[in-house]
Protein backbone atom coordinates (compact mmCIF):
# COMPACT_ATOMS: atom_id res chain seq x y z
CA UNK A 1 -30.73 -17.65 -21.15
CA UNK A 2 -31.91 -17.83 -17.19
CA UNK A 3 -33.79 -20.95 -17.86
CA UNK A 4 -30.90 -22.50 -19.66
CA UNK A 5 -28.61 -21.69 -16.54
CA UNK A 6 -31.06 -22.84 -13.97
CA UNK A 7 -31.24 -26.22 -15.80
CA UNK A 8 -27.45 -26.16 -16.15
CA UNK A 9 -26.92 -25.88 -12.27
CA UNK A 10 -29.08 -29.01 -11.64
CA UNK A 11 -26.78 -31.11 -13.18
CA UNK A 12 -28.98 -32.69 -15.19
CA UNK A 13 -29.59 -30.63 -18.00
CA UNK A 14 -29.55 -33.60 -20.61
CA UNK A 15 -33.14 -34.42 -19.45
CA UNK A 16 -34.73 -31.17 -20.68
CA UNK A 17 -32.41 -30.50 -23.74
CA UNK A 18 -32.87 -33.14 -26.84
CA UNK A 19 -29.07 -32.37 -27.71
CA UNK A 20 -27.85 -33.60 -24.40
CA UNK A 21 -30.21 -36.88 -24.48
CA UNK A 22 -28.35 -38.63 -27.67
CA UNK A 23 -25.92 -41.12 -26.68
CA UNK A 24 -24.07 -40.34 -29.77
CA UNK A 25 -22.80 -36.95 -28.27
CA UNK A 26 -19.18 -37.18 -27.42
CA UNK A 27 -18.10 -36.82 -23.90
CA UNK A 28 -15.87 -33.38 -25.00
CA UNK A 29 -19.08 -31.93 -26.50
CA UNK A 30 -21.04 -32.83 -23.58
CA UNK A 31 -18.66 -30.84 -21.15
CA UNK A 32 -18.18 -28.18 -23.67
CA UNK A 33 -21.78 -27.32 -23.63
CA UNK A 34 -21.45 -27.07 -19.72
CA UNK A 35 -18.57 -24.96 -19.83
CA UNK A 36 -20.16 -22.43 -22.48
CA UNK A 37 -22.98 -21.87 -20.27
CA UNK A 38 -20.37 -21.31 -16.99
CA UNK A 39 -18.81 -19.12 -19.45
CA UNK A 40 -21.79 -16.83 -19.99
CA UNK A 41 -22.77 -16.96 -16.43
CA UNK A 42 -18.84 -15.63 -15.68
CA UNK A 43 -19.55 -12.87 -18.16
CA UNK A 44 -22.81 -12.00 -16.55
CA UNK A 45 -21.00 -11.22 -13.02
CA UNK A 46 -21.11 -14.44 -11.10
CA UNK A 47 -17.36 -15.46 -10.55
CA UNK A 48 -15.64 -18.20 -9.42
CA UNK A 49 -13.62 -18.74 -6.16
CA UNK A 50 -10.05 -18.25 -6.77
CA UNK A 51 -8.86 -19.50 -3.27
CA UNK A 52 -8.88 -22.53 -1.27
CA UNK A 53 -10.60 -22.54 2.14
CA UNK A 54 -8.30 -22.42 5.24
CA UNK A 55 -7.20 -25.64 6.56
CA UNK A 56 -7.71 -27.34 3.25
CA UNK A 57 -5.31 -30.22 2.16
CA UNK A 58 -5.87 -31.63 -1.43
CA UNK A 59 -5.28 -35.48 -0.88
CA UNK A 60 -5.72 -37.07 -4.23
CA UNK A 61 -7.69 -36.92 -7.80
CA UNK A 62 -9.58 -39.84 -8.98
CA UNK A 63 -10.01 -39.92 -12.65
CA UNK A 64 -9.97 -43.64 -13.63
CA UNK A 65 -12.71 -44.32 -16.25
CA UNK A 66 -14.74 -41.20 -15.42
CA UNK A 67 -16.18 -38.58 -17.70
CA UNK A 68 -18.85 -36.66 -15.85
CA UNK A 69 -19.09 -37.60 -12.45
CA UNK A 70 -22.34 -36.15 -10.86
CA UNK A 71 -23.46 -37.78 -7.56
CA UNK A 72 -21.52 -39.62 -4.86
CA UNK A 73 -22.42 -42.00 -1.78
CA UNK A 74 -19.77 -42.81 0.82
CA UNK A 75 -19.97 -45.91 3.24
CA UNK A 76 -17.75 -47.19 5.75
CA UNK A 77 -15.79 -48.72 2.98
CA UNK A 78 -16.44 -47.41 -0.39
CA UNK A 79 -17.33 -44.25 -2.25
CA UNK A 80 -19.66 -44.65 -5.08
CA UNK A 81 -19.76 -42.49 -8.04
CA UNK A 82 -22.54 -41.96 -10.62
CA UNK A 83 -21.45 -40.99 -14.04
CA UNK A 84 -23.86 -39.04 -16.02
CA UNK A 85 -22.37 -39.50 -19.54
CA UNK A 86 -21.46 -43.59 -19.25
CA UNK A 87 -24.30 -43.90 -17.37
CA UNK A 88 -22.60 -46.25 -14.73
CA UNK A 89 -21.95 -46.24 -11.09
CA UNK A 90 -18.39 -46.86 -9.92
CA UNK A 91 -17.03 -48.27 -6.86
CA UNK A 92 -14.01 -46.85 -5.23
CA UNK A 93 -12.34 -47.69 -2.06
CA UNK A 94 -11.31 -45.31 0.45
CA UNK A 95 -7.71 -44.83 -1.02
CA UNK A 96 -9.37 -44.12 -4.38
CA UNK A 97 -8.51 -47.31 -6.17
CA UNK A 98 -11.25 -48.61 -8.67
CA UNK A 99 -12.86 -51.84 -7.15
CA UNK A 100 -15.92 -52.29 -9.89
CA UNK A 101 -18.25 -50.49 -12.05
CA UNK A 102 -21.74 -51.68 -13.29
CA UNK A 103 -23.90 -50.06 -15.96
CA UNK A 104 -27.50 -48.74 -15.07
CA UNK A 105 -30.31 -48.90 -17.29
CA UNK A 106 -31.78 -45.52 -18.26
CA UNK A 107 -30.02 -42.48 -17.00
CA UNK A 108 -28.94 -42.76 -13.26
CA UNK A 109 -28.72 -39.77 -11.05
CA UNK A 110 -29.48 -39.76 -7.28
CA UNK A 111 -27.18 -42.56 -5.37
CA UNK A 112 -27.24 -43.45 -1.78
CA UNK A 113 -26.31 -46.55 0.42
CA UNK A 114 -27.72 -48.32 3.50
CA UNK A 115 -25.54 -49.91 6.36
CA UNK A 116 -25.24 -53.00 4.34
CA UNK A 117 -23.91 -51.52 1.32
CA UNK A 118 -27.05 -51.84 -0.78
CA UNK A 119 -26.86 -49.30 -3.25
CA UNK A 120 -30.01 -47.42 -4.23
CA UNK A 121 -30.03 -45.36 -7.76
CA UNK A 122 -32.77 -43.40 -9.23
CA UNK A 123 -33.81 -43.74 -12.97
CA UNK A 124 -34.26 -40.33 -14.63
CA UNK A 125 -35.74 -41.69 -17.61
CA UNK A 126 -38.80 -43.59 -15.76
CA UNK A 127 -38.57 -42.13 -12.27
CA UNK A 128 -37.76 -45.45 -10.65
CA UNK A 129 -35.47 -46.70 -8.29
CA UNK A 130 -33.07 -49.40 -8.74
CA UNK A 131 -31.14 -51.50 -6.17
CA UNK A 132 -27.31 -52.16 -7.17
CA UNK A 133 -25.80 -55.39 -5.73
CA UNK A 134 -22.14 -55.33 -6.61
CA UNK A 135 -21.58 -58.69 -5.60
CA UNK A 136 -24.42 -60.36 -7.65
CA UNK A 137 -23.40 -57.71 -10.41
CA UNK A 138 -27.11 -56.99 -10.95
CA UNK A 139 -29.29 -53.55 -10.90
CA UNK A 140 -32.94 -54.48 -10.29
CA UNK A 141 -36.16 -51.96 -9.49
CA UNK A 142 -36.92 -52.14 -5.99
CA UNK A 143 -39.89 -54.87 -5.40
CA UNK A 144 -42.50 -52.52 -4.11
CA UNK A 145 -42.08 -49.32 -5.53
CA UNK A 146 -44.92 -48.07 -7.07
CA UNK A 147 -44.22 -43.93 -7.14
CA UNK A 148 -43.03 -42.70 -10.23
CA UNK A 149 -40.61 -39.61 -9.38
CA UNK A 150 -40.56 -36.60 -11.89
CA UNK A 151 -37.15 -35.55 -11.19
CA UNK A 152 -35.39 -37.72 -8.36
CA UNK A 153 -32.32 -35.39 -7.86
CA UNK A 154 -30.79 -36.85 -4.72
CA UNK A 155 -31.29 -39.37 -1.74
CA UNK A 156 -30.11 -40.35 1.62
CA UNK A 157 -30.37 -43.25 3.93
CA UNK A 158 -31.08 -42.95 7.70
CA UNK A 159 -30.25 -45.42 10.29
CA UNK A 160 -33.74 -46.66 10.90
CA UNK A 161 -33.36 -48.07 7.12
CA UNK A 162 -35.63 -45.29 5.57
CA UNK A 163 -34.28 -43.36 2.80
CA UNK A 164 -35.41 -40.10 1.47
CA UNK A 165 -35.55 -38.89 -1.97
CA UNK A 166 -35.64 -35.33 -2.83
CA UNK A 167 -37.69 -34.66 -5.95
CA UNK A 168 -36.69 -31.37 -7.66
CA UNK A 169 -40.03 -30.78 -10.05
CA UNK A 170 -42.62 -31.80 -7.30
CA UNK A 171 -40.73 -29.92 -4.94
CA UNK A 172 -40.90 -32.17 -1.89
CA UNK A 173 -39.12 -34.85 -0.09
CA UNK A 174 -40.64 -38.52 -0.42
CA UNK A 175 -39.63 -41.01 2.18
CA UNK A 176 -39.63 -44.62 1.67
CA UNK A 177 -38.80 -47.97 3.51
CA UNK A 178 -35.95 -50.30 1.98
CA UNK A 179 -38.50 -51.87 -0.08
CA UNK A 180 -39.62 -48.91 -2.05
CA UNK A 181 -42.78 -48.40 -0.12
CA UNK A 182 -43.78 -44.82 0.18
CA UNK A 183 -44.03 -43.67 4.23
CA UNK A 184 -44.80 -40.19 3.77
CA UNK A 185 -44.07 -36.83 2.10
CA UNK A 186 -43.00 -33.53 3.43
CA UNK A 187 -41.78 -30.48 2.23
CA UNK A 188 -44.76 -29.45 -0.05
CA UNK A 189 -45.47 -25.45 0.05
CA UNK A 190 -41.92 -24.80 1.69
CA UNK A 191 -39.43 -25.77 -1.02
CA UNK A 192 -39.14 -24.49 -4.56
CA UNK A 193 -36.70 -26.42 -6.65
CA UNK A 194 -34.83 -28.58 -4.16
CA UNK A 195 -31.65 -30.54 -5.38
CA UNK A 196 -29.62 -31.92 -2.64
CA UNK A 197 -30.13 -33.56 0.69
CA UNK A 198 -27.95 -34.72 3.58
CA UNK A 199 -28.28 -36.77 7.07
CA UNK A 200 -26.93 -35.09 9.97
CA UNK A 201 -26.18 -38.05 12.09
CA UNK A 202 -24.82 -36.19 15.26
CA UNK A 203 -28.07 -33.88 15.49
CA UNK A 204 -30.21 -36.40 13.86
CA UNK A 205 -31.88 -34.25 11.27
CA UNK A 206 -32.25 -33.73 7.71
CA UNK A 207 -30.84 -30.83 5.43
CA UNK A 208 -32.14 -30.17 2.05
CA UNK A 209 -30.48 -27.40 -0.33
CA UNK A 210 -32.56 -25.40 -2.33
CA UNK A 211 -30.97 -24.73 -5.94
CA UNK A 212 -31.07 -20.92 -5.78
CA UNK A 213 -31.56 -18.49 -8.70
CA UNK A 214 -35.21 -19.04 -8.61
CA UNK A 215 -37.79 -16.95 -6.91
CA UNK A 216 -38.83 -18.88 -3.83
CA UNK A 217 -42.47 -19.34 -2.74
CA UNK A 218 -42.01 -17.29 0.59
CA UNK A 219 -39.51 -14.63 -1.31
CA UNK A 220 -36.96 -15.84 1.14
CA UNK A 221 -33.26 -15.92 0.07
CA UNK A 222 -32.46 -19.13 2.34
CA UNK A 223 -30.59 -22.00 0.79
CA UNK A 224 -30.76 -24.69 3.37
CA UNK A 225 -33.86 -26.01 5.14
CA UNK A 226 -33.63 -28.24 8.38
CA UNK A 227 -35.88 -31.09 8.92
CA UNK A 228 -36.39 -33.36 11.35
CA UNK A 229 -36.46 -37.09 10.51
CA UNK A 230 -40.35 -37.11 10.60
CA UNK A 231 -40.37 -34.27 8.25
CA UNK A 232 -41.12 -30.90 10.44
CA UNK A 233 -39.01 -28.01 9.47
CA UNK A 234 -36.69 -26.69 12.20
CA UNK A 235 -35.17 -23.78 10.62
CA UNK A 236 -33.31 -22.69 7.74
CA UNK A 237 -29.57 -21.69 7.10
CA UNK A 238 -27.22 -19.80 4.85
CA UNK A 239 -28.49 -17.09 2.34
CA UNK A 240 -28.10 -16.83 -1.40
CA UNK A 241 -25.41 -14.43 -2.79
CA UNK A 242 -22.16 -14.29 -4.36
CA UNK A 243 -19.83 -12.84 -1.71
CA UNK A 244 -17.85 -15.16 0.70
CA UNK A 245 -19.74 -17.65 3.00
CA UNK A 246 -22.81 -17.35 0.71
CA UNK A 247 -24.40 -19.57 -2.12
CA UNK A 248 -25.22 -18.63 -5.48
CA UNK A 249 -26.34 -22.37 -6.30
CA UNK A 250 -26.49 -25.38 -4.16
CA UNK A 251 -26.29 -28.68 -5.63
CA UNK A 252 -24.42 -31.33 -3.51
CA UNK A 253 -24.87 -31.43 0.01
CA UNK A 254 -22.88 -33.55 2.83
CA UNK A 255 -22.39 -33.34 6.87
CA UNK A 256 -19.62 -34.87 8.41
CA UNK A 257 -19.18 -36.39 11.76
CA UNK A 258 -18.84 -32.82 13.64
CA UNK A 259 -22.10 -31.74 12.46
CA UNK A 260 -20.39 -29.43 9.73
CA UNK A 261 -22.11 -29.02 6.32
CA UNK A 262 -20.72 -28.89 3.03
CA UNK A 263 -22.56 -27.48 0.01
CA UNK A 264 -21.14 -27.78 -3.50
CA UNK A 265 -21.64 -24.47 -5.47
CA UNK A 266 -21.17 -25.35 -9.25
CA UNK A 267 -21.51 -21.48 -10.36
CA UNK A 268 -18.95 -20.19 -7.74
CA UNK A 269 -16.53 -23.31 -8.45
CA UNK A 270 -16.30 -24.45 -4.73
CA UNK A 271 -17.64 -25.81 -1.82
CA UNK A 272 -18.69 -23.89 1.34
CA UNK A 273 -18.14 -25.09 4.89
CA UNK A 274 -20.39 -24.35 7.74
CA UNK A 275 -21.04 -24.90 11.33
CA UNK A 276 -24.27 -27.03 12.22
CA UNK A 277 -25.55 -23.19 12.95
CA UNK A 278 -24.96 -22.20 9.55
CA UNK A 279 -21.83 -20.27 10.22
CA UNK A 280 -19.30 -19.91 7.35
CA UNK A 281 -16.07 -21.76 8.20
CA UNK A 282 -14.07 -22.20 5.32
CA UNK A 283 -14.49 -22.73 1.32
CA UNK A 284 -12.62 -25.64 -0.75
CA UNK A 285 -11.93 -25.05 -4.26
CA UNK A 286 -10.37 -23.07 -7.09
CA UNK A 287 -11.55 -22.98 -10.34
CA UNK A 288 -9.45 -24.88 -12.93
CA UNK A 289 -8.23 -27.92 -14.37
CA UNK A 290 -5.36 -28.91 -12.14
CA UNK A 291 -5.53 -31.47 -9.60
CA UNK A 292 -7.68 -30.04 -6.81
CA UNK A 293 -9.19 -27.75 -8.83
CA UNK A 294 -12.84 -27.52 -9.66
CA UNK A 295 -14.86 -27.20 -12.70
CA UNK A 296 -18.69 -27.46 -12.29
CA UNK A 297 -18.46 -29.28 -8.54
CA UNK A 298 -21.87 -31.13 -8.80
CA UNK A 299 -21.86 -33.14 -5.40
CA UNK A 300 -19.78 -33.52 -2.35
CA UNK A 301 -19.54 -36.68 0.11
CA UNK A 302 -17.81 -37.23 3.47
CA UNK A 303 -16.08 -40.71 3.89
CA UNK A 304 -15.59 -42.68 7.13
CA UNK A 305 -12.19 -40.73 7.37
CA UNK A 306 -14.08 -37.35 7.42
CA UNK A 307 -12.29 -36.68 4.15
CA UNK A 308 -14.07 -34.62 1.35
CA UNK A 309 -14.95 -36.17 -2.01
CA UNK A 310 -15.96 -33.26 -4.45
CA UNK A 311 -17.51 -34.53 -8.11
CA UNK A 312 -15.76 -32.31 -10.58
CA UNK A 313 -18.10 -32.58 -13.42
CA UNK A 314 -16.43 -30.83 -16.26
CA UNK A 315 -12.92 -31.98 -15.10
CA UNK A 316 -14.08 -35.93 -15.42
CA UNK A 317 -12.68 -36.13 -11.95
CA UNK A 318 -13.34 -36.37 -8.12
CA UNK A 319 -11.10 -34.56 -5.84
CA UNK A 320 -10.57 -35.51 -2.24
CA UNK A 321 -9.75 -33.15 0.45
CA UNK A 322 -8.62 -33.36 4.06
CA UNK A 323 -9.93 -30.42 6.30
CA UNK A 324 -8.37 -29.48 9.71
CA UNK A 325 -8.15 -26.87 12.38
CA UNK A 326 -11.62 -25.69 12.02
CA UNK A 327 -14.21 -24.48 14.81
CA UNK A 328 -16.86 -27.34 15.68
CA UNK A 329 -20.33 -27.14 17.20
CA UNK A 330 -18.38 -28.07 20.38
CA UNK A 331 -17.36 -24.63 20.73
CA UNK A 332 -20.38 -23.17 20.14
CA UNK A 333 -22.83 -22.16 22.86
CA UNK A 334 -25.71 -24.46 22.71
CA UNK A 335 -28.28 -21.54 23.95
CA UNK A 336 -27.65 -18.65 21.50
CA UNK A 337 -25.72 -20.23 18.91
CA UNK A 338 -22.21 -18.79 19.09
CA UNK A 339 -18.99 -19.23 20.95
CA UNK A 340 -18.55 -18.19 24.65
CA UNK A 341 -16.91 -14.67 24.40
CA UNK A 342 -15.40 -15.46 20.90
CA UNK A 343 -13.45 -17.60 18.39
CA UNK A 344 -10.71 -16.27 16.27
CA UNK A 345 -11.10 -18.57 13.12
CA UNK A 346 -8.68 -19.80 10.35
CA UNK A 347 -7.75 -16.88 7.80
CA UNK A 348 -9.13 -17.61 4.16
CA UNK A 349 -7.15 -18.11 1.55
CA UNK A 350 -4.24 -19.48 3.48
CA UNK A 351 -1.63 -19.81 2.17
CA UNK A 352 -2.20 -16.34 0.49
CA UNK A 353 -0.49 -13.96 -2.25
CA UNK A 354 -2.88 -10.67 -2.74
CA UNK A 355 -4.69 -10.78 0.55
CA UNK A 356 -6.51 -12.65 3.30
CA UNK A 357 -9.64 -12.30 5.58
CA UNK A 358 -9.46 -12.98 9.32
CA UNK A 359 -12.89 -14.02 10.28
CA UNK A 360 -14.23 -13.92 14.00
CA UNK A 361 -17.31 -14.85 15.97
CA UNK A 362 -18.29 -12.58 19.05
CA UNK A 363 -20.91 -14.11 21.58
CA UNK A 364 -21.58 -10.52 23.11
CA UNK A 365 -20.60 -6.97 22.42
CA UNK A 366 -17.27 -5.56 23.25
CA UNK A 367 -13.99 -3.57 21.84
CA UNK A 368 -12.26 -5.64 19.06
CA UNK A 369 -8.71 -5.27 17.63
CA UNK A 370 -6.69 -7.06 15.00
CA UNK A 371 -2.92 -7.21 15.10
CA UNK A 372 -0.51 -8.47 12.42
CA UNK A 373 2.78 -9.85 13.57
CA UNK A 374 5.77 -11.08 11.64
CA UNK A 375 7.55 -14.49 12.84
CA UNK A 376 9.81 -12.73 15.12
CA UNK A 377 6.92 -10.81 16.88
CA UNK A 378 7.46 -7.64 15.35
CA UNK A 379 3.97 -5.82 15.03
CA UNK A 380 3.51 -5.11 11.35
CA UNK A 381 -0.34 -3.77 11.20
CA UNK A 382 -3.30 -3.07 13.55
CA UNK A 383 -6.77 -2.80 12.93
CA UNK A 384 -8.67 -0.76 15.60
CA UNK A 385 -12.37 -2.07 14.87
CA UNK A 386 -13.59 -0.25 18.13
CA UNK A 387 -16.86 -1.64 19.94
CA UNK A 388 -18.68 -4.43 17.75
CA UNK A 389 -22.12 -6.20 18.54
CA UNK A 390 -22.40 -10.11 18.99
CA UNK A 391 -22.71 -11.78 15.71
CA UNK A 392 -20.56 -13.75 13.01
CA UNK A 393 -18.02 -11.59 11.31
CA UNK A 394 -17.07 -14.45 8.70
CA UNK A 395 -17.73 -13.41 4.97
CA UNK A 396 -15.92 -11.28 2.82
CA UNK A 397 -17.99 -8.04 3.86
CA UNK A 398 -17.69 -8.37 7.65
CA UNK A 399 -14.39 -10.44 8.32
CA UNK A 400 -11.22 -8.21 8.47
CA UNK A 401 -9.10 -8.03 5.42
CA UNK A 402 -5.12 -7.95 5.35
CA UNK A 403 -3.84 -6.90 2.08
CA UNK A 404 -0.31 -7.93 2.76
CA UNK A 405 0.86 -4.41 3.67
CA UNK A 406 2.59 -2.95 6.69
CA UNK A 407 1.26 0.49 8.65
CA UNK A 408 3.12 2.26 6.01
CA UNK A 409 1.37 0.62 3.06
CA UNK A 410 4.44 -0.93 2.06
CA UNK A 411 4.12 -4.73 0.93
CA UNK A 412 5.76 -7.46 3.46
CA UNK A 413 8.05 -10.15 2.39
CA UNK A 414 6.61 -13.68 1.98
CA UNK A 415 6.66 -15.79 5.17
CA UNK A 416 5.19 -16.95 8.16
CA UNK A 417 2.92 -14.07 9.99
CA UNK A 418 0.55 -14.07 13.11
CA UNK A 419 -2.70 -12.55 13.41
CA UNK A 420 -4.25 -11.84 16.74
CA UNK A 421 -7.60 -11.00 18.16
CA UNK A 422 -8.02 -8.83 21.13
CA UNK A 423 -11.30 -8.83 22.51
CA UNK A 424 -11.82 -6.49 25.54
CA UNK A 425 -8.58 -7.95 27.59
CA UNK A 426 -8.45 -11.50 26.05
CA UNK A 427 -6.39 -12.34 23.31
CA UNK A 428 -6.15 -15.28 20.83
CA UNK A 429 -3.31 -15.62 18.09
CA UNK A 430 -3.12 -17.82 14.87
CA UNK A 431 -0.47 -18.46 11.99
CA UNK A 432 -0.76 -17.96 8.34
CA UNK A 433 1.68 -18.02 5.63
CA UNK A 434 2.14 -15.33 2.74
CA UNK A 435 3.30 -16.31 -0.36
CA UNK A 436 4.47 -13.64 -3.14
């Protein structure tokens, strides 16, 4: 079962399971198969996130003509969606209106676009790359493309007109020019089963996501590798795990204009948001079928408005979110990688019903107290944490958890509350909403 689960989370099990190769299989059967494996995994102990990330607002759900969206690519004016069941690529404007769609020969998967909105798509059947021209309504192989990929899972363009393809089976990154000629390869011996790739424009680096759930070559638990544009590994970010702030599996990967990192975790049914240093900031996604909810999120993209698009494969939908009020790298010390003195972050979930986590980051050792006030300033609850070392208290195991009760253990009423962090003599206060 572990092997089947591993292949499920890559989002292209149909390559390896004969039953999924048949074009005669219905869309409902296709999605039910994935749903069954997710149910098996859930029973084995891996749960889904049941709460939206802090400061996240659902904008719209897009379902027009989609069956099983698996990959996304965003440009200045459009978002492109690859549908694994229909073998088509769809073009949507930034308001979610369908502009066009084209059939793709073979089985499309990875999709990326250059600055001129030329679309490049990988073919899972023959391991080739195709160039898609929506104006001419044609799809054709790259003219000088000689390499055959084993499993081209994801791709991204940089601003020098090179593009990078992550090959999951070969466990490496291949860099090509716009004509398809191989420039170089990197990641050999460092990657185990890479599935996602993204360009961090702000920091001029390439991020690569590991699938997870597979023993790594060096025995580590790191899920994101950070490379320079020339292929030198710089660092690694985010460890695997089912707790809040960690990743069970990683599929899609994106970076916004602030350097914040978005990772789609299909097993947890959510998208995790991290700072450019890998500090957990928030999560997007509630498992379910309703608008804004996710089932098997396979990819994530950031559009020109810094909105988050998520391919929810088993819902046959793309969900679009807006994220606000999150810390960025501007607030982080460039030397030590943590904020100066401290940062009180947005609680999650918010709004909340049964409880909420209050995360914060300390740049030095100091005394910490967290207080909860109601909307007229009456003190409701106090958490004396005492002296704490520098670090990120952002996951569910380290952040302060308020269960919605007062100091006497009685449940408080629905409404607006304030949480305050006192670090030595300094105080910061933020707002949250309890909904019973």
